[in-house]
């Protein structure tokens, strides 16, 4: 089973992406993605 998580930009704190990950995984997801508000690639972290 997979769960949906929301990714938040670490620079401007806007919620840009929703992705899915394994249900039992304990680590928070960190991905470098494009932020349309910042207009650059920034680190996005998973919210709880």
C-alpha atoms as a PDB file:
ATOM      1  CA  UNK A   1       0.000   0.000   0.000  1.00  0.00           C
ATOM      2  CA  UNK A   2       1.224   3.506  -0.802  1.00  0.00           C
ATOM      3  CA  UNK A   3       0.405   6.779   0.887  1.00  0.00           C
ATOM      4  CA  UNK A   4       0.228  10.279  -0.585  1.00  0.00           C
ATOM      5  CA  UNK A   5       2.606  12.898   0.802  1.00  0.00           C
ATOM      6  CA  UNK A   6       2.928  16.622   0.089  1.00  0.00           C
ATOM      7  CA  UNK A   7       6.281  18.191  -0.786  1.00  0.00           C
ATOM      8  CA  UNK A   8       7.072  21.697   0.482  1.00  0.00           C
ATOM      9  CA  UNK A   9       9.725  24.059  -0.875  1.00  0.00           C
ATOM     10  CA  UNK A  10      12.364  24.793   1.795  1.00  0.00           C
ATOM     11  CA  UNK A  11      12.962  28.309   0.471  1.00  0.00           C
ATOM     12  CA  UNK A  12       9.462  29.818   0.094  1.00  0.00           C
ATOM     13  CA  UNK A  13       7.400  27.132   1.961  1.00  0.00           C
ATOM     14  CA  UNK A  14       4.872  26.687  -0.855  1.00  0.00           C
ATOM     15  CA  UNK A  15       3.238  23.271  -1.260  1.00  0.00           C
ATOM     16  CA  UNK A  16       3.946  22.374  -4.885  1.00  0.00           C
ATOM     17  CA  UNK A  17       3.909  18.601  -5.365  1.00  0.00           C
ATOM     18  CA  UNK A  18       2.092  15.481  -4.182  1.00  0.00           C
ATOM     19  CA  UNK A  19       3.844  12.128  -4.527  1.00  0.00           C
ATOM     20  CA  UNK A  20       3.332   8.617  -3.187  1.00  0.00           C
ATOM     21  CA  UNK A  21       5.689   6.506  -1.101  1.00  0.00           C
ATOM     22  CA  UNK A  22       5.673   3.152   0.673  1.00  0.00           C
ATOM     23  CA  UNK A  23       3.469   2.990   3.762  1.00  0.00           C
ATOM     24  CA  UNK A  24       6.114   1.594   6.168  1.00  0.00           C
ATOM     25  CA  UNK A  25       9.019   3.832   5.153  1.00  0.00           C
ATOM     26  CA  UNK A  26      10.159   5.907   8.156  1.00  0.00           C
ATOM     27  CA  UNK A  27      12.528   8.400   6.480  1.00  0.00           C
ATOM     28  CA  UNK A  28      11.171  11.732   5.231  1.00  0.00           C
ATOM     29  CA  UNK A  29      11.388  12.235   1.503  1.00  0.00           C
ATOM     30  CA  UNK A  30      13.753  14.965   0.205  1.00  0.00           C
ATOM     31  CA  UNK A  31      13.834  15.727  -3.533  1.00  0.00           C
ATOM     32  CA  UNK A  32      15.303  18.589  -5.547  1.00  0.00           C
ATOM     33  CA  UNK A  33      12.459  19.887  -7.754  1.00  0.00           C
ATOM     34  CA  UNK A  34      11.473  23.030  -9.635  1.00  0.00           C
ATOM     35  CA  UNK A  35       9.521  25.606  -7.628  1.00  0.00           C
ATOM     36  CA  UNK A  36       7.345  27.838  -9.840  1.00  0.00           C
ATOM     37  CA  UNK A  37       7.090  30.498  -7.123  1.00  0.00           C
ATOM     38  CA  UNK A  38      10.898  30.767  -6.645  1.00  0.00           C
ATOM     39  CA  UNK A  39      11.468  30.099 -10.360  1.00  0.00           C
ATOM     40  CA  UNK A  40      14.429  27.793  -9.637  1.00  0.00           C
ATOM     41  CA  UNK A  41      15.293  24.253  -8.515  1.00  0.00           C
ATOM     42  CA  UNK A  42      15.139  23.965  -4.731  1.00  0.00           C
ATOM     43  CA  UNK A  43      15.051  21.226  -2.130  1.00  0.00           C
ATOM     44  CA  UNK A  44      11.517  19.990  -1.361  1.00  0.00           C
ATOM     45  CA  UNK A  45      10.795  18.060   1.862  1.00  0.00           C
ATOM     46  CA  UNK A  46       7.891  15.873   2.889  1.00  0.00           C
ATOM     47  CA  UNK A  47       5.346  17.287   5.338  1.00  0.00           C
ATOM     48  CA  UNK A  48       3.555  15.294   8.012  1.00  0.00           C
END
